[in-house]
Amino acid sequence: MKSSDNRLIRLIALFKFAKSALLIAVGMSALHLLHKNIAGLSEHWVARLGLDPGNHYVARGLEKVADLTPNKIRNLGIVSFIYAGLFLTEGTGLWLVKRWGEWFSVIITTSLIPVEIYEIHRHPNAIKCLILAINIAVVAYLLYRIRNDPAHK
């Protein structure tokens, strides 16, 4: 394969590493907040940021935060770390331009597309649609690369 193909693979790897870093931050934040008064902390930040607690969206967010139990927070942290590990594995395999990394990325990314579609259906927004489009393009490119690489036929 050409070096420009490897650059694209490495760009995809960086995308996977970025998702992993975000999930590690979410997991660490969840574990940090595990035994704190999250509702009080949220109200403090709403006031500090000058947000209107009477605003429909702010009030709804505060309600959702108040419903978080320590078990839900712990599960969020654990799931975040598991997904971060998957994305780190994908990114590493892609960065090293390994065939197993390409296959692993195709399998994991394809398996998450139905979840992304469900989330878009529940709460549509442009960011979710963009991430879905990027993930579909990544899968399509990796499948194209796997099928057309003469070195692995």
Protein backbone atom coordinates (compact mmCIF):
# COMPACT_ATOMS: atom_id res chain seq x y z
CA MET A 1 0.00 0.00 0.00
CA LYS A 2 1.05 3.57 -0.61
CA SER A 3 2.29 5.77 2.21
CA SER A 4 -0.75 8.03 1.68
CA ASP A 5 -2.93 5.01 2.55
CA ASN A 6 -0.92 4.53 5.74
CA ARG A 7 -1.42 8.21 6.58
CA LEU A 8 -5.18 7.75 6.34
CA ILE A 9 -4.99 4.64 8.53
CA ARG A 10 -3.01 6.64 11.08
CA LEU A 11 -5.58 9.45 10.93
CA ILE A 12 -8.26 6.88 11.75
CA ALA A 13 -6.04 5.64 14.58
CA LEU A 14 -5.81 9.18 15.96
CA PHE A 15 -9.63 9.41 15.83
CA LYS A 16 -9.80 6.16 17.86
CA PHE A 17 -7.20 7.48 20.32
CA ALA A 18 -9.19 10.72 20.75
CA LYS A 19 -12.38 8.76 21.49
CA SER A 20 -10.43 6.66 23.96
CA ALA A 21 -9.01 9.73 25.73
CA LEU A 22 -12.51 11.21 26.01
CA LEU A 23 -13.86 7.97 27.49
CA ILE A 24 -10.97 7.74 29.97
CA ALA A 25 -11.77 11.30 31.09
CA VAL A 26 -15.45 10.37 31.49
CA GLY A 27 -14.55 7.25 33.45
CA MET A 28 -12.16 9.07 35.76
CA SER A 29 -14.69 11.86 36.29
CA ALA A 30 -17.39 9.34 37.12
CA LEU A 31 -15.19 7.60 39.67
CA HIS A 32 -14.14 10.96 41.11
CA LEU A 33 -17.82 11.90 41.60
CA LEU A 34 -18.79 8.53 43.04
CA HIS A 35 -19.30 9.56 46.65
CA LYS A 36 -20.04 13.24 46.19
CA ASN A 37 -23.31 15.18 46.36
CA ILE A 38 -23.74 15.44 42.60
CA ALA A 39 -27.06 17.28 42.77
CA GLY A 40 -25.56 19.98 45.01
CA LEU A 41 -22.43 20.17 42.90
CA SER A 42 -24.53 20.57 39.73
CA GLU A 43 -26.60 23.34 41.28
CA HIS A 44 -23.40 25.08 42.35
CA TRP A 45 -22.03 24.99 38.78
CA VAL A 46 -25.33 26.14 37.28
CA ALA A 47 -25.22 29.18 39.58
CA ARG A 48 -21.51 29.76 39.02
CA LEU A 49 -21.90 29.67 35.23
CA GLY A 50 -24.83 32.07 35.43
CA LEU A 51 -27.32 29.61 33.96
CA ASP A 52 -31.01 30.01 34.70
CA PRO A 53 -32.13 27.07 36.85
CA GLY A 54 -35.70 27.80 35.72
CA ASN A 55 -34.75 27.17 32.09
CA HIS A 56 -36.43 24.01 30.79
CA TYR A 57 -33.19 22.40 29.61
CA VAL A 58 -31.18 23.33 32.70
CA ALA A 59 -33.95 22.09 35.02
CA ARG A 60 -34.22 18.86 33.05
CA GLY A 61 -30.46 18.37 33.28
CA LEU A 62 -30.52 18.97 37.02
CA GLU A 63 -33.32 16.40 37.38
CA LYS A 64 -31.33 13.81 35.45
CA VAL A 65 -28.25 14.47 37.57
CA ALA A 66 -30.28 14.16 40.77
CA ASP A 67 -31.47 10.71 39.62
CA LEU A 68 -27.91 9.39 39.38
CA THR A 69 -27.24 6.75 41.99
CA PRO A 70 -23.73 5.70 43.03
CA ASN A 71 -24.34 2.39 41.21
CA LYS A 72 -25.21 4.19 37.95
CA ILE A 73 -22.14 6.41 38.28
CA ARG A 74 -19.86 3.43 38.96
CA ASN A 75 -21.33 1.58 35.95
CA LEU A 76 -20.78 4.64 33.76
CA GLY A 77 -17.12 4.68 34.82
CA ILE A 78 -16.64 0.96 34.22
CA VAL A 79 -18.32 1.00 30.80
CA SER A 80 -16.29 4.08 29.82
CA PHE A 81 -13.05 2.29 30.67
CA ILE A 82 -14.10 -0.86 28.75
CA TYR A 83 -14.91 1.13 25.61
CA ALA A 84 -11.70 3.15 26.04
CA GLY A 85 -9.76 -0.12 26.09
CA LEU A 86 -11.46 -1.26 22.89
CA PHE A 87 -10.71 2.06 21.16
CA LEU A 88 -7.09 1.97 22.39
CA THR A 89 -6.71 -1.54 20.95
CA GLU A 90 -8.22 -0.43 17.64
CA GLY A 91 -6.03 2.65 17.52
CA THR A 92 -2.87 0.71 18.32
CA GLY A 93 -3.55 -1.91 15.64
CA LEU A 94 -4.30 0.79 13.08
CA TRP A 95 -1.32 2.96 14.06
CA LEU A 96 0.98 -0.04 13.59
CA VAL A 97 -0.82 -0.72 10.26
CA LYS A 98 -1.60 -4.29 11.26
CA ARG A 99 -4.22 -6.37 9.46
CA TRP A 100 -5.69 -7.51 12.80
CA GLY A 101 -6.14 -3.84 13.74
CA GLU A 102 -8.10 -3.21 10.55
CA TRP A 103 -10.34 -6.22 11.14
CA PHE A 104 -10.76 -5.41 14.83
CA SER A 105 -11.74 -1.86 13.96
CA VAL A 106 -14.24 -3.03 11.32
CA ILE A 107 -15.87 -5.46 13.77
CA ILE A 108 -16.05 -3.08 16.74
CA THR A 109 -17.11 -0.02 14.75
CA THR A 110 -19.76 -1.96 12.81
CA SER A 111 -21.14 -3.46 16.02
CA LEU A 112 -21.61 0.02 17.51
CA ILE A 113 -23.42 1.53 14.50
CA PRO A 114 -26.87 0.18 15.55
CA VAL A 115 -26.40 1.78 18.98
CA GLU A 116 -25.50 5.09 17.34
CA ILE A 117 -28.59 4.89 15.09
CA TYR A 118 -30.78 4.16 18.11
CA GLU A 119 -29.32 7.16 19.98
CA ILE A 120 -29.89 9.40 16.96
CA HIS A 121 -33.48 8.17 16.78
CA ARG A 122 -34.02 8.93 20.50
CA HIS A 123 -32.22 12.27 20.63
CA PRO A 124 -31.19 13.51 17.19
CA ASN A 125 -28.46 16.11 16.85
CA ALA A 126 -25.84 17.06 14.30
CA ILE A 127 -22.84 15.80 16.30
CA LYS A 128 -24.27 12.28 16.60
CA CYS A 129 -25.07 12.26 12.88
CA LEU A 130 -21.54 13.42 12.05
CA ILE A 131 -19.95 10.74 14.23
CA LEU A 132 -22.19 8.10 12.62
CA ALA A 133 -21.17 9.29 9.15
CA ILE A 134 -17.47 9.22 10.10
CA ASN A 135 -17.78 5.70 11.53
CA ILE A 136 -19.57 4.42 8.41
CA ALA A 137 -16.89 6.00 6.22
CA VAL A 138 -14.15 4.41 8.36
CA VAL A 139 -15.74 0.96 8.04
CA ALA A 140 -16.21 1.39 4.28
CA TYR A 141 -12.60 2.49 3.80
CA LEU A 142 -11.18 -0.32 5.94
CA LEU A 143 -13.23 -2.94 4.11
CA TYR A 144 -12.08 -1.49 0.78
CA ARG A 145 -8.48 -1.58 1.98
CA ILE A 146 -8.76 -5.15 3.27
CA ARG A 147 -10.31 -6.40 0.02
CA ASN A 148 -7.91 -4.58 -2.31
CA ASP A 149 -4.54 -4.99 -0.58
CA PRO A 150 -2.55 -7.30 -2.88
CA ALA A 151 -0.05 -8.09 -0.13
CA HIS A 152 -2.73 -9.95 1.86
CA LYS A 153 -4.56 -11.86 -0.87
